C-alpha atoms as a PDB file:
ATOM      1  CA  UNK A   1      75.107  99.955  34.114  1.00  0.00           C
ATOM      2  CA  UNK A   2      74.949  98.242  37.958  1.00  0.00           C
ATOM      3  CA  UNK A   3      71.875  95.836  36.443  1.00  0.00           C
ATOM      4  CA  UNK A   4      74.192  94.351  33.881  1.00  0.00           C
ATOM      5  CA  UNK A   5      76.955  93.490  36.682  1.00  0.00           C
ATOM      6  CA  UNK A   6      73.971  92.258  39.136  1.00  0.00           C
ATOM      7  CA  UNK A   7      72.711  90.047  35.926  1.00  0.00           C
ATOM      8  CA  UNK A   8      75.806  88.370  35.460  1.00  0.00           C
ATOM      9  CA  UNK A   9      76.747  87.877  38.979  1.00  0.00           C
ATOM     10  CA  UNK A  10      73.306  86.151  39.125  1.00  0.00           C
ATOM     11  CA  UNK A  11      73.591  84.565  36.244  1.00  0.00           C
ATOM     12  CA  UNK A  12      76.955  83.083  37.355  1.00  0.00           C
ATOM     13  CA  UNK A  13      76.516  82.121  40.259  1.00  0.00           C
ATOM     14  CA  UNK A  14      73.150  79.664  39.641  1.00  0.00           C
ATOM     15  CA  UNK A  15      75.698  78.285  36.850  1.00  0.00           C
ATOM     16  CA  UNK A  16      78.686  77.267  38.216  1.00  0.00           C
ATOM     17  CA  UNK A  17      79.214  73.533  38.388  1.00  0.00           C
ATOM     18  CA  UNK A  18      79.602  72.334  42.229  1.00  0.00           C
ATOM     19  CA  UNK A  19      83.046  70.798  42.092  1.00  0.00           C
ATOM     20  CA  UNK A  20      84.006  70.299  46.051  1.00  0.00           C
ATOM     21  CA  UNK A  21      82.233  66.796  47.439  1.00  0.00           C
ATOM     22  CA  UNK A  22      81.339  68.270  50.967  1.00  0.00           C
ATOM     23  CA  UNK A  23      79.512  70.987  49.624  1.00  0.00           C
ATOM     24  CA  UNK A  24      76.735  69.552  47.698  1.00  0.00           C
ATOM     25  CA  UNK A  25      75.749  66.949  50.465  1.00  0.00           C
ATOM     26  CA  UNK A  26      75.363  70.179  52.933  1.00  0.00           C
ATOM     27  CA  UNK A  27      73.069  72.090  49.897  1.00  0.00           C
ATOM     28  CA  UNK A  28      71.627  68.772  49.504  1.00  0.00           C
ATOM     29  CA  UNK A  29      70.187  68.477  53.178  1.00  0.00           C
ATOM     30  CA  UNK A  30      69.829  72.391  53.147  1.00  0.00           C
ATOM     31  CA  UNK A  31      66.853  71.603  50.114  1.00  0.00           C
ATOM     32  CA  UNK A  32      69.175  74.134  47.968  1.00  0.00           C
ATOM     33  CA  UNK A  33      70.199  71.672  45.203  1.00  0.00           C
ATOM     34  CA  UNK A  34      69.043  68.590  43.918  1.00  0.00           C
ATOM     35  CA  UNK A  35      71.530  66.184  42.298  1.00  0.00           C
ATOM     36  CA  UNK A  36      71.620  62.743  40.142  1.00  0.00           C
ATOM     37  CA  UNK A  37      73.802  60.730  38.033  1.00  0.00           C
ATOM     38  CA  UNK A  38      73.988  62.150  34.345  1.00  0.00           C
ATOM     39  CA  UNK A  39      72.470  60.299  31.825  1.00  0.00           C
ATOM     40  CA  UNK A  40      74.892  61.067  29.214  1.00  0.00           C
ATOM     41  CA  UNK A  41      77.917  60.308  31.405  1.00  0.00           C
ATOM     42  CA  UNK A  42      77.533  58.235  34.504  1.00  0.00           C
ATOM     43  CA  UNK A  43      81.173  59.450  35.618  1.00  0.00           C
ATOM     44  CA  UNK A  44      79.241  63.108  36.149  1.00  0.00           C
ATOM     45  CA  UNK A  45      76.543  63.886  38.791  1.00  0.00           C
ATOM     46  CA  UNK A  46      73.788  66.949  37.322  1.00  0.00           C
ATOM     47  CA  UNK A  47      73.339  69.142  40.086  1.00  0.00           C
ATOM     48  CA  UNK A  48      70.889  71.796  39.538  1.00  0.00           C
ATOM     49  CA  UNK A  49      68.949  74.409  42.090  1.00  0.00           C
ATOM     50  CA  UNK A  50      65.550  73.799  43.787  1.00  0.00           C
ATOM     51  CA  UNK A  51      62.969  76.564  44.202  1.00  0.00           C
ATOM     52  CA  UNK A  52      64.399  77.429  47.542  1.00  0.00           C
ATOM     53  CA  UNK A  53      67.989  77.002  45.913  1.00  0.00           C
ATOM     54  CA  UNK A  54      67.022  79.383  43.210  1.00  0.00           C
ATOM     55  CA  UNK A  55      65.512  82.012  46.055  1.00  0.00           C
ATOM     56  CA  UNK A  56      68.459  81.752  48.300  1.00  0.00           C
ATOM     57  CA  UNK A  57      70.506  82.730  45.069  1.00  0.00           C
ATOM     58  CA  UNK A  58      68.487  85.404  43.913  1.00  0.00           C
ATOM     59  CA  UNK A  59      68.552  87.075  47.959  1.00  0.00           C
ATOM     60  CA  UNK A  60      72.259  86.636  48.067  1.00  0.00           C
ATOM     61  CA  UNK A  61      72.408  88.763  43.869  1.00  0.00           C
ATOM     62  CA  UNK A  62      70.389  90.747  45.713  1.00  0.00           C
ATOM     63  CA  UNK A  63      72.111  91.620  48.925  1.00  0.00           C
ATOM     64  CA  UNK A  64      75.509  92.176  47.420  1.00  0.00           C
ATOM     65  CA  UNK A  65      73.618  94.247  44.622  1.00  0.00           C
ATOM     66  CA  UNK A  66      72.503  96.163  47.664  1.00  0.00           C
ATOM     67  CA  UNK A  67      76.148  96.279  49.320  1.00  0.00           C
ATOM     68  CA  UNK A  68      77.564  96.958  46.276  1.00  0.00           C
ATOM     69  CA  UNK A  69      75.193 100.090  46.066  1.00  0.00           C
ATOM     70  CA  UNK A  70      76.351 101.511  49.679  1.00  0.00           C
ATOM     71  CA  UNK A  71      79.582 101.532  48.161  1.00  0.00           C
ATOM     72  CA  UNK A  72      79.295 103.082  45.472  1.00  0.00           C
ATOM     73  CA  UNK A  73      77.192 105.868  46.876  1.00  0.00           C
ATOM     74  CA  UNK A  74      80.498 106.627  48.828  1.00  0.00           C
ATOM     75  CA  UNK A  75      82.914 106.929  45.635  1.00  0.00           C
ATOM     76  CA  UNK A  76      82.558 110.584  44.469  1.00  0.00           C
ATOM     77  CA  UNK A  77      80.115 111.055  41.732  1.00  0.00           C
ATOM     78  CA  UNK A  78      83.086 112.177  39.166  1.00  0.00           C
ATOM     79  CA  UNK A  79      84.664 108.763  39.626  1.00  0.00           C
ATOM     80  CA  UNK A  80      81.431 106.762  39.867  1.00  0.00           C
ATOM     81  CA  UNK A  81      81.018 105.481  35.887  1.00  0.00           C
ATOM     82  CA  UNK A  82      85.168 104.883  36.283  1.00  0.00           C
ATOM     83  CA  UNK A  83      85.015 102.219  39.114  1.00  0.00           C
ATOM     84  CA  UNK A  84      81.832 100.670  37.977  1.00  0.00           C
ATOM     85  CA  UNK A  85      83.821  99.682  34.767  1.00  0.00           C
ATOM     86  CA  UNK A  86      86.460  98.970  36.606  1.00  0.00           C
ATOM     87  CA  UNK A  87      84.246  96.337  38.793  1.00  0.00           C
ATOM     88  CA  UNK A  88      82.505  94.956  35.456  1.00  0.00           C
ATOM     89  CA  UNK A  89      86.093  94.040  34.129  1.00  0.00           C
ATOM     90  CA  UNK A  90      87.149  92.385  37.033  1.00  0.00           C
ATOM     91  CA  UNK A  91      83.410  90.577  36.781  1.00  0.00           C
ATOM     92  CA  UNK A  92      84.642  89.325  33.476  1.00  0.00           C
ATOM     93  CA  UNK A  93      87.774  88.792  34.417  1.00  0.00           C
ATOM     94  CA  UNK A  94      86.358  86.490  37.422  1.00  0.00           C
ATOM     95  CA  UNK A  95      84.221  84.273  35.017  1.00  0.00           C
ATOM     96  CA  UNK A  96      86.576  83.798  32.311  1.00  0.00           C
ATOM     97  CA  UNK A  97      88.851  82.028  34.827  1.00  0.00           C
ATOM     98  CA  UNK A  98      85.984  80.052  36.262  1.00  0.00           C
ATOM     99  CA  UNK A  99      85.054  79.335  32.721  1.00  0.00           C
ATOM    100  CA  UNK A 100      88.827  77.502  32.767  1.00  0.00           C
ATOM    101  CA  UNK A 101      88.839  75.863  35.937  1.00  0.00           C
END
């Protein structure tokens, strides 16, 4: 069950739009993203992860999964399923909130 949560979190991180102006410049300088004016709408900017950015996002996702795994190991076995389901509900709520923004 943890794997499903990890995949959704990774997908969300890779596809999340960047809407704060200072961040893209720093991320570009770090070689994590590329950006260019949208061909469809000149008011928009298309932002994509570079290979390095994708690797960084994957590393963050893996570290998050390890941290969650370590936490869940501290939960009594009889409660793990319930806790995991609750975290998945929270993750869906966060992604729904991001989609509305």
